[in-house]
Amino acid sequence: MTNRLTPFKIAAAMTLALGIVATAHAGMYRYTDENGQVVISNTIPQEATQRGYDILGNNGRVIETVDPAPTEEEIAAREAEKQRQKEREIQREKDRLLLKRYSHPDQAVRAMHRKVRELEGLIQLKRGNIAVISSQLDNEQSRAADMERAGRDIPEASLEKIRRLESQIRDLEREIDVQNREIDALKADFKADIERLEEVTGEPRTLSLNGTDKD
């Protein structure tokens, strides 16, 4: 006669099996309490987890070790190391792009001189414009002075022209001042790039930062 499993027997068997599995996976904790005593328990206080602990299997062997929570100093040190690593990666990328532009420090020196000459050329043009406008201004101011000496009123058109010429000169002088600062900043940036190129290539520059010969 075939032995059939009733629903009750099936449920009982499943319960037994689950119990066996639960028992097999049930573990104990081994940790050190606040007094430095080793404790083995099926529960672990929250504060004890900060000191690290072992998870034991049913046979009493360690199946997993949980490290102590890091201290504030350790966390700070890890964050500092992450930041240093990030900075190193950024520097490597900068070096890659720099070497892509220049293979030798002298190439960067020549590029700097070209850019400086371009800006200085623009400044010279503006100085020439200032000279022309200043001449026009002198003429207008001279005519206005002649009118005053003759007891005549200076036309508003003449006064407006004088103000306009003075404004143009001020604008050009401000532009020259800005471009001089651009030259200083450009030289500083190139100097840093040139020094970095000397470091990463191992090749010293042979050209002067102020001319064509080595300083």
Protein backbone atom coordinates (compact mmCIF):
# COMPACT_ATOMS: atom_id res chain seq x y z
CA MET A 1 0.00 0.00 0.00
CA THR A 2 1.45 3.42 -1.03
CA ASN A 3 2.30 5.70 1.88
CA ARG A 4 0.77 9.09 0.97
CA LEU A 5 1.83 12.32 2.66
CA THR A 6 -1.06 14.21 4.10
CA PRO A 7 -1.02 18.04 4.09
CA PHE A 8 -0.36 17.90 7.82
CA LYS A 9 2.69 15.67 7.35
CA ILE A 10 4.00 17.91 4.55
CA ALA A 11 3.68 20.99 6.73
CA ALA A 12 5.39 19.23 9.63
CA ALA A 13 8.24 18.15 7.38
CA MET A 14 8.72 21.70 6.06
CA THR A 15 8.71 23.08 9.58
CA LEU A 16 11.34 20.55 10.63
CA ALA A 17 13.49 21.35 7.62
CA LEU A 18 13.29 25.09 8.23
CA GLY A 19 14.21 24.50 11.84
CA ILE A 20 17.28 22.54 10.80
CA VAL A 21 18.35 25.29 8.38
CA ALA A 22 17.75 28.00 10.98
CA THR A 23 19.79 26.05 13.50
CA ALA A 24 22.57 25.54 11.01
CA HIS A 25 22.77 29.28 10.28
CA ALA A 26 22.13 30.45 13.81
CA GLY A 27 25.38 31.92 15.20
CA MET A 28 26.89 33.51 18.24
CA TYR A 29 28.80 36.72 18.72
CA ARG A 30 32.15 37.03 20.44
CA TYR A 31 33.10 40.51 21.52
CA THR A 32 34.94 42.42 24.22
CA ASP A 33 32.84 44.35 26.70
CA GLU A 34 33.63 47.74 28.24
CA ASN A 35 35.66 45.99 30.98
CA GLY A 36 37.87 44.20 28.47
CA GLN A 37 36.22 40.84 29.10
CA VAL A 38 35.54 38.51 26.19
CA VAL A 39 31.83 37.74 25.90
CA ILE A 40 30.08 35.12 23.78
CA SER A 41 26.38 35.69 23.27
CA ASN A 42 23.60 35.34 20.74
CA THR A 43 23.12 39.13 20.93
CA ILE A 44 25.57 42.01 20.90
CA PRO A 45 25.14 45.50 22.40
CA GLN A 46 25.30 48.39 19.98
CA GLU A 47 28.32 49.92 21.71
CA ALA A 48 30.20 46.62 21.43
CA THR A 49 29.83 46.62 17.64
CA GLN A 50 32.00 49.75 17.55
CA ARG A 51 34.89 47.74 19.02
CA GLY A 52 34.66 44.95 16.46
CA TYR A 53 33.49 41.39 16.98
CA ASP A 54 33.53 37.84 15.64
CA ILE A 55 30.58 35.84 14.35
CA LEU A 56 30.81 32.21 15.43
CA GLY A 57 29.25 29.20 13.78
CA ASN A 58 27.52 26.37 15.63
CA ASN A 59 30.85 24.60 15.95
CA GLY A 60 32.33 27.62 17.71
CA ARG A 61 34.61 28.55 14.83
CA VAL A 62 34.89 32.10 13.56
CA ILE A 63 33.00 32.42 10.31
CA GLU A 64 33.32 36.20 9.97
CA THR A 65 35.27 38.98 11.66
CA VAL A 66 33.85 42.48 11.77
CA ASP A 67 36.54 45.12 12.20
CA PRO A 68 36.19 47.90 14.78
CA ALA A 69 34.54 51.12 13.63
CA PRO A 70 37.18 53.65 12.53
CA THR A 71 38.08 56.46 14.91
CA GLU A 72 37.64 60.11 13.98
CA GLU A 73 41.39 60.32 13.39
CA GLU A 74 41.29 57.28 11.09
CA ILE A 75 38.33 58.69 9.19
CA ALA A 76 40.14 62.01 8.80
CA ALA A 77 43.28 60.23 7.61
CA ARG A 78 41.30 58.22 5.06
CA GLU A 79 39.58 61.35 3.77
CA ALA A 80 42.91 63.13 3.54
CA GLU A 81 44.36 60.22 1.57
CA LYS A 82 41.35 60.25 -0.76
CA GLN A 83 41.89 63.97 -1.33
CA ARG A 84 45.59 63.42 -2.03
CA GLN A 85 44.74 60.65 -4.46
CA LYS A 86 42.24 62.91 -6.19
CA GLU A 87 44.82 65.68 -6.44
CA ARG A 88 47.37 63.23 -7.87
CA GLU A 89 44.87 62.13 -10.51
CA ILE A 90 44.09 65.75 -11.38
CA GLN A 91 47.81 66.51 -11.66
CA ARG A 92 48.37 63.49 -13.91
CA GLU A 93 45.62 64.70 -16.24
CA LYS A 94 47.09 68.21 -16.25
CA ASP A 95 50.51 66.76 -17.06
CA ARG A 96 49.04 64.72 -19.91
CA LEU A 97 47.42 67.80 -21.44
CA LEU A 98 50.56 69.88 -20.89
CA LEU A 99 52.76 67.31 -22.64
CA LYS A 100 50.23 67.17 -25.44
CA ARG A 101 50.85 70.90 -26.06
CA TYR A 102 54.59 71.02 -25.44
CA SER A 103 57.16 68.22 -25.57
CA HIS A 104 60.00 70.42 -24.29
CA PRO A 105 60.14 73.45 -21.94
CA ASP A 106 61.61 75.61 -24.72
CA GLN A 107 58.42 75.14 -26.76
CA ALA A 108 56.44 76.68 -23.92
CA VAL A 109 58.95 79.54 -23.63
CA ARG A 110 58.54 80.36 -27.32
CA ALA A 111 54.75 80.18 -27.03
CA MET A 112 54.86 82.57 -24.09
CA HIS A 113 56.97 85.08 -26.02
CA ARG A 114 54.56 84.93 -28.98
CA LYS A 115 51.51 85.60 -26.82
CA VAL A 116 53.25 88.39 -24.90
CA ARG A 117 54.28 90.06 -28.18
CA GLU A 118 50.68 89.87 -29.41
CA LEU A 119 49.39 91.63 -26.30
CA GLU A 120 52.20 94.16 -26.35
CA GLY A 121 51.35 94.88 -30.00
CA LEU A 122 47.75 95.63 -29.04
CA ILE A 123 48.97 97.91 -26.26
CA GLN A 124 51.18 99.80 -28.71
CA LEU A 125 48.22 100.30 -31.03
CA LYS A 126 46.18 101.69 -28.17
CA ARG A 127 49.01 104.01 -27.15
CA GLY A 128 49.11 105.26 -30.73
CA ASN A 129 45.37 105.90 -30.60
CA ILE A 130 45.81 107.79 -27.34
CA ALA A 131 48.47 109.98 -28.99
CA VAL A 132 46.13 110.84 -31.87
CA ILE A 133 43.18 111.55 -29.58
CA SER A 134 45.37 113.58 -27.22
CA SER A 135 46.41 115.76 -30.15
CA GLN A 136 42.77 116.34 -31.08
CA LEU A 137 41.99 117.11 -27.44
CA ASP A 138 44.82 119.65 -27.23
CA ASN A 139 43.47 121.40 -30.32
CA GLU A 140 39.92 121.53 -28.94
CA GLN A 141 41.09 122.74 -25.54
CA SER A 142 43.28 125.40 -27.21
CA ARG A 143 40.35 126.71 -29.26
CA ALA A 144 38.16 126.75 -26.15
CA ALA A 145 40.82 128.71 -24.26
CA ASP A 146 41.06 131.22 -27.13
CA MET A 147 37.30 131.73 -26.99
CA GLU A 148 37.41 132.30 -23.22
CA ARG A 149 40.21 134.86 -23.58
CA ALA A 150 38.16 136.62 -26.26
CA GLY A 151 35.22 136.75 -23.88
CA ARG A 152 33.14 134.43 -26.02
CA ASP A 153 31.04 131.53 -24.80
CA ILE A 154 32.35 128.08 -25.63
CA PRO A 155 29.80 126.23 -27.78
CA GLU A 156 28.22 123.18 -26.13
CA ALA A 157 29.31 121.11 -29.12
CA SER A 158 32.96 121.98 -28.38
CA LEU A 159 32.57 121.12 -24.71
CA GLU A 160 30.88 117.82 -25.59
CA LYS A 161 33.71 116.95 -27.99
CA ILE A 162 36.29 117.67 -25.28
CA ARG A 163 34.42 115.41 -22.84
CA ARG A 164 34.12 112.67 -25.46
CA LEU A 165 37.84 112.79 -26.30
CA GLU A 166 38.77 112.70 -22.59
CA SER A 167 36.47 109.69 -22.09
CA GLN A 168 38.06 107.87 -25.04
CA ILE A 169 41.51 108.38 -23.58
CA ARG A 170 40.41 107.09 -20.17
CA ASP A 171 38.82 104.01 -21.77
CA LEU A 172 41.99 103.21 -23.72
CA GLU A 173 44.15 103.67 -20.62
CA ARG A 174 41.91 101.25 -18.69
CA GLU A 175 42.18 98.71 -21.53
CA ILE A 176 45.97 99.05 -21.50
CA ASP A 177 46.00 98.52 -17.74
CA VAL A 178 43.88 95.37 -18.12
CA GLN A 179 46.15 94.00 -20.84
CA ASN A 180 49.26 94.68 -18.78
CA ARG A 181 47.72 92.63 -15.98
CA GLU A 182 46.89 89.93 -18.55
CA ILE A 183 50.55 89.86 -19.57
CA ASP A 184 51.65 89.47 -15.94
CA ALA A 185 49.14 86.65 -15.39
CA LEU A 186 50.11 84.97 -18.66
CA LYS A 187 53.81 85.04 -17.72
CA ALA A 188 53.04 83.58 -14.29
CA ASP A 189 50.96 80.74 -15.81
CA PHE A 190 53.62 79.96 -18.41
CA LYS A 191 56.37 80.06 -15.80
CA ALA A 192 54.50 77.42 -13.76
CA ASP A 193 53.96 75.29 -16.88
CA ILE A 194 57.61 75.60 -17.89
CA GLU A 195 58.82 74.57 -14.44
CA ARG A 196 56.42 71.60 -14.49
CA LEU A 197 57.66 70.59 -17.95
CA GLU A 198 61.23 70.66 -16.69
CA GLU A 199 60.17 68.35 -13.88
CA VAL A 200 58.13 65.81 -15.86
CA THR A 201 60.44 65.70 -18.92
CA GLY A 202 63.70 65.95 -17.04
CA GLU A 203 64.82 68.52 -19.62
CA PRO A 204 65.87 72.05 -18.58
CA ARG A 205 64.88 75.03 -20.68
CA THR A 206 67.66 76.64 -22.73
CA LEU A 207 65.80 79.85 -23.53
CA SER A 208 65.41 82.88 -21.30
CA LEU A 209 62.00 83.85 -20.01
CA ASN A 210 62.88 87.41 -21.01
CA GLY A 211 64.74 86.82 -24.26
CA THR A 212 66.17 84.13 -26.52
CA ASP A 213 69.23 83.12 -24.50
CA LYS A 214 69.37 81.18 -21.24
CA ASP A 215 69.25 83.38 -18.10
